Protein backbone atom coordinates (compact mmCIF):
# COMPACT_ATOMS: atom_id res chain seq x y z
CA MET A 1 107.98 327.18 11.51
CA LYS A 2 107.77 325.15 14.74
CA ILE A 3 109.83 322.36 13.20
CA LYS A 4 112.55 324.89 12.26
CA LEU A 5 112.55 326.19 15.83
CA LEU A 6 112.83 322.63 17.11
CA ILE A 7 115.84 321.94 14.89
CA ILE A 8 117.55 325.16 15.99
CA ALA A 9 116.79 324.43 19.66
CA SER A 10 118.12 320.89 19.22
CA LEU A 11 121.36 322.12 17.72
CA ILE A 12 121.84 324.71 20.46
CA LEU A 13 121.03 322.23 23.24
CA SER A 14 123.27 319.62 21.67
CA SER A 15 126.29 321.89 21.37
CA TYR A 16 125.69 323.50 24.77
CA SER A 17 125.37 320.18 26.55
CA SER A 18 128.55 318.83 24.99
CA MET A 19 130.50 321.96 26.02
CA HIS A 20 128.94 322.48 29.47
CA GLY A 21 128.28 318.99 30.84
CA GLN A 22 129.53 320.00 34.32
CA GLY A 23 130.30 316.44 35.28
CA LEU A 24 126.98 315.01 34.06
CA ASN A 25 126.79 312.43 31.30
CA ASN A 26 125.67 314.93 28.62
CA GLY A 27 129.01 314.77 26.82
CA GLN A 28 129.14 311.01 27.04
CA TYR A 29 126.10 310.34 24.81
CA GLU A 30 125.21 312.19 21.62
CA PHE A 31 121.92 314.01 21.12
CA ASP A 32 119.75 311.64 19.08
CA GLU A 33 116.39 311.25 17.38
CA THR A 34 114.68 310.16 20.61
CA ASP A 35 115.83 313.36 22.33
CA ALA A 36 114.48 315.45 19.44
CA GLU A 37 111.11 313.66 19.57
CA ASN A 38 110.85 314.07 23.34
CA ILE A 39 111.66 317.79 23.14
CA GLN A 40 109.18 318.24 20.30
CA GLU A 41 106.42 316.57 22.31
CA PHE A 42 107.32 318.30 25.60
CA PHE A 43 107.67 321.87 24.25
CA PHE A 44 105.31 321.82 21.30
CA GLY A 45 102.88 319.00 22.18
CA ILE A 46 103.36 317.37 18.77
CA SER A 47 103.56 313.62 18.22
CA THR A 48 104.90 312.37 14.88
CA TYR A 49 104.28 309.11 13.06
CA LYS A 50 105.17 307.86 9.61
CA PHE A 51 104.12 304.77 7.70
CA TYR A 52 105.86 303.38 4.65
CA VAL A 53 103.50 302.86 1.72
CA GLY A 54 105.84 302.95 -1.29
CA ALA A 55 103.97 306.10 -2.31
CA ARG A 56 105.97 306.73 -5.47
CA THR A 57 104.47 303.67 -7.13
CA ASN A 58 101.23 303.79 -9.07
CA GLU A 59 99.22 302.68 -6.01
CA ASP A 60 97.33 305.35 -4.10
CA TYR A 61 96.14 305.13 -0.52
CA ASP A 62 93.22 306.65 1.31
CA ILE A 63 93.52 307.93 4.87
CA ILE A 64 90.43 307.03 6.89
CA VAL A 65 89.63 308.64 10.25
CA GLU A 66 86.99 307.09 12.49
CA GLU A 67 85.95 308.99 15.63
CA TYR A 68 84.26 307.31 18.60
CA LYS A 69 82.68 308.91 21.65
CA ASN A 70 81.37 306.86 24.56
CA LYS A 71 82.01 303.69 22.54
CA ASN A 72 79.87 304.86 19.58
CA LEU A 73 81.08 305.75 16.08
CA ILE A 74 80.21 309.43 15.53
CA ASP A 75 82.15 310.23 12.34
CA SER A 76 84.04 308.59 9.46
CA THR A 77 86.17 310.64 7.06
CA TYR A 78 87.86 309.41 3.89
CA LYS A 79 90.47 312.09 3.28
CA ILE A 80 91.29 311.26 -0.37
CA LYS A 81 87.94 309.82 -1.53
CA ASP A 82 86.11 312.87 -0.10
CA ILE A 83 88.34 315.18 -2.19
CA VAL A 84 87.70 313.09 -5.31
CA LYS A 85 83.94 313.25 -4.63
CA LYS A 86 84.00 317.00 -4.06
CA PHE A 87 86.34 318.10 -6.86
CA GLY A 88 86.14 315.21 -9.31
CA HIS A 89 89.84 314.31 -9.42
CA ASN A 90 92.47 312.51 -7.37
CA PRO A 91 94.83 315.11 -5.84
CA ILE A 92 97.71 312.67 -5.32
CA SER A 93 100.76 313.00 -7.54
CA SER A 94 103.87 310.87 -7.16
CA THR A 95 106.07 313.60 -8.67
CA SER A 96 107.02 315.04 -5.27
CA GLY A 97 107.33 313.84 -1.72
CA ASP A 98 108.63 310.57 -0.34
CA GLU A 99 107.33 307.05 0.16
CA PHE A 100 105.68 307.65 3.53
CA ILE A 101 102.37 308.85 4.88
CA ARG A 102 103.27 311.14 7.78
CA ILE A 103 100.92 312.07 10.61
CA TYR A 104 101.51 314.99 12.98
CA ILE A 105 99.29 315.32 16.05
CA LYS A 106 99.05 318.51 18.13
CA ASP A 107 97.49 317.95 21.55
CA ASN A 108 95.51 321.06 22.56
CA VAL A 109 92.96 319.37 24.84
CA LYS A 110 93.99 321.21 27.99
CA GLU A 111 94.25 324.69 26.44
CA LYS A 112 91.66 324.71 23.64
CA LYS A 113 89.84 321.36 23.96
CA ASP A 114 90.90 320.24 20.51
CA ILE A 115 93.38 318.08 18.63
CA GLU A 116 94.95 319.17 15.35
CA LEU A 117 96.17 316.59 12.84
CA ARG A 118 98.17 317.03 9.68
CA PHE A 119 98.53 314.23 7.14
CA VAL A 120 101.40 314.61 4.67
CA TYR A 121 101.27 312.28 1.68
CA LEU A 122 103.35 312.92 -1.46
CA ASN A 123 102.30 316.34 -2.80
CA ILE A 124 99.43 317.01 -0.38
CA SER A 125 99.07 318.13 3.21
CA LEU A 126 95.65 317.47 4.70
CA PRO A 127 94.45 319.03 7.97
CA HIS A 128 91.97 317.37 10.30
CA GLU A 129 90.66 318.63 13.62
CA PHE A 130 88.74 317.17 16.52
CA ASP A 131 87.16 319.98 18.51
CA GLU A 132 85.03 320.51 21.61
CA LEU A 133 86.67 317.58 23.37
CA ASP A 134 86.03 317.28 27.08
CA LEU A 135 89.15 315.27 27.93
CA SER A 136 91.61 315.54 30.78
CA VAL A 137 94.24 313.21 29.33
CA LEU A 138 95.21 312.08 25.83
CA GLN A 139 97.65 309.59 24.33
CA THR A 140 98.57 308.18 20.93
CA ARG A 141 99.86 304.80 19.86
CA ALA A 142 100.83 303.27 16.53
CA PHE A 143 99.72 299.72 15.84
CA SER A 144 102.66 297.33 15.79
CA ASP A 145 101.35 294.90 13.18
CA VAL A 146 101.17 297.25 10.16
CA PRO A 147 102.30 295.24 7.11
CA ASP A 148 105.01 296.47 4.74
CA ARG A 149 102.49 296.35 1.89
CA ILE A 150 98.98 297.53 2.72
CA GLU A 151 96.37 295.83 0.54
CA MET A 152 93.18 296.54 2.51
CA LYS A 153 91.85 298.78 5.26
CA THR A 154 94.51 298.59 7.97
CA PRO A 155 94.57 300.40 11.33
CA VAL A 156 97.85 302.29 11.79
CA LEU A 157 97.27 304.71 14.67
CA ALA A 158 95.02 305.16 17.71
CA ILE A 159 94.41 308.47 19.51
CA TYR A 160 92.53 308.03 22.78
CA GLY A 161 91.55 309.93 25.89
CA ASN A 162 89.50 309.98 29.06
CA LYS A 163 87.39 312.71 30.63
CA GLU A 164 88.17 312.61 34.33
CA LYS A 165 91.28 310.53 34.96
CA ASN A 166 94.80 311.93 35.32
CA PHE A 167 96.37 308.64 34.27
CA ILE A 168 95.74 306.66 31.11
CA SER A 169 97.05 303.19 30.36
CA CYS A 170 98.34 302.05 26.97
CA PRO A 171 96.08 299.63 25.08
CA GLY A 172 99.07 297.43 24.23
CA GLY A 173 98.29 295.11 21.32
CA ALA A 174 94.52 295.64 21.50
CA LYS A 175 92.52 295.72 18.26
CA PRO A 176 90.50 298.85 17.29
CA LYS A 177 87.17 297.38 18.47
CA ASP A 178 88.73 296.70 21.89
CA ILE A 179 90.38 300.13 22.13
CA VAL A 180 87.00 301.79 21.55
CA GLU A 181 85.70 299.99 24.65
CA LEU A 182 88.59 301.15 26.88
CA TYR A 183 88.38 304.97 26.64
CA ASP A 184 85.85 307.82 26.64
CA TRP A 185 87.02 309.15 23.26
CA VAL A 186 88.93 307.36 20.48
CA ALA A 187 90.06 308.10 16.94
CA ILE A 188 91.39 305.27 14.80
CA ILE A 189 93.34 306.12 11.66
CA TYR A 190 93.40 303.57 8.86
CA LEU A 191 95.19 303.35 5.53
CA ASP A 192 93.49 301.62 2.61
CA ARG A 193 94.71 301.03 -0.90
CA ILE A 194 92.50 302.76 -3.45
CA LYS A 195 91.48 300.29 -6.10
CA SER A 196 91.79 301.77 -9.60
């Protein structure tokens, strides 16, 4: 529903700005994907990421979430393997969806002290939540060295925050073990090919 509202708002803003530029540069440059992402994050607090995994092939991937607090690992979740363990079958089907694993992150730390995640992979949509977070600032960053073909456990995304600071710096090209040392709270998301 929120995505539909974003699209409608984008179309309205786009057409309005091109008709009513009032001497600004709004009519000079078209509304683009960056504008849509910035509006989505500003108004809805949602960050979006997608990673190509060739998901329509016969190779399945697990989504691993590791959570760290005060530099210590407090939880590890294997989104696909945990479902297989619980229900006895692999829920992934390559009959629908595209070739990406998509991750949507809703930052609620200021209002509700939580973060909502949604993983979308082929035919499944998997929620994940981090709650009771005592953070004043939060950021996300994709790793820049994700290979085109993932063969082993590979970090793809870092979510990180601090308790008392109003400013947070980007970890740049830091590795997961280094990122854990930089912030009060960290979640690292990995993709790993499931061996048949």
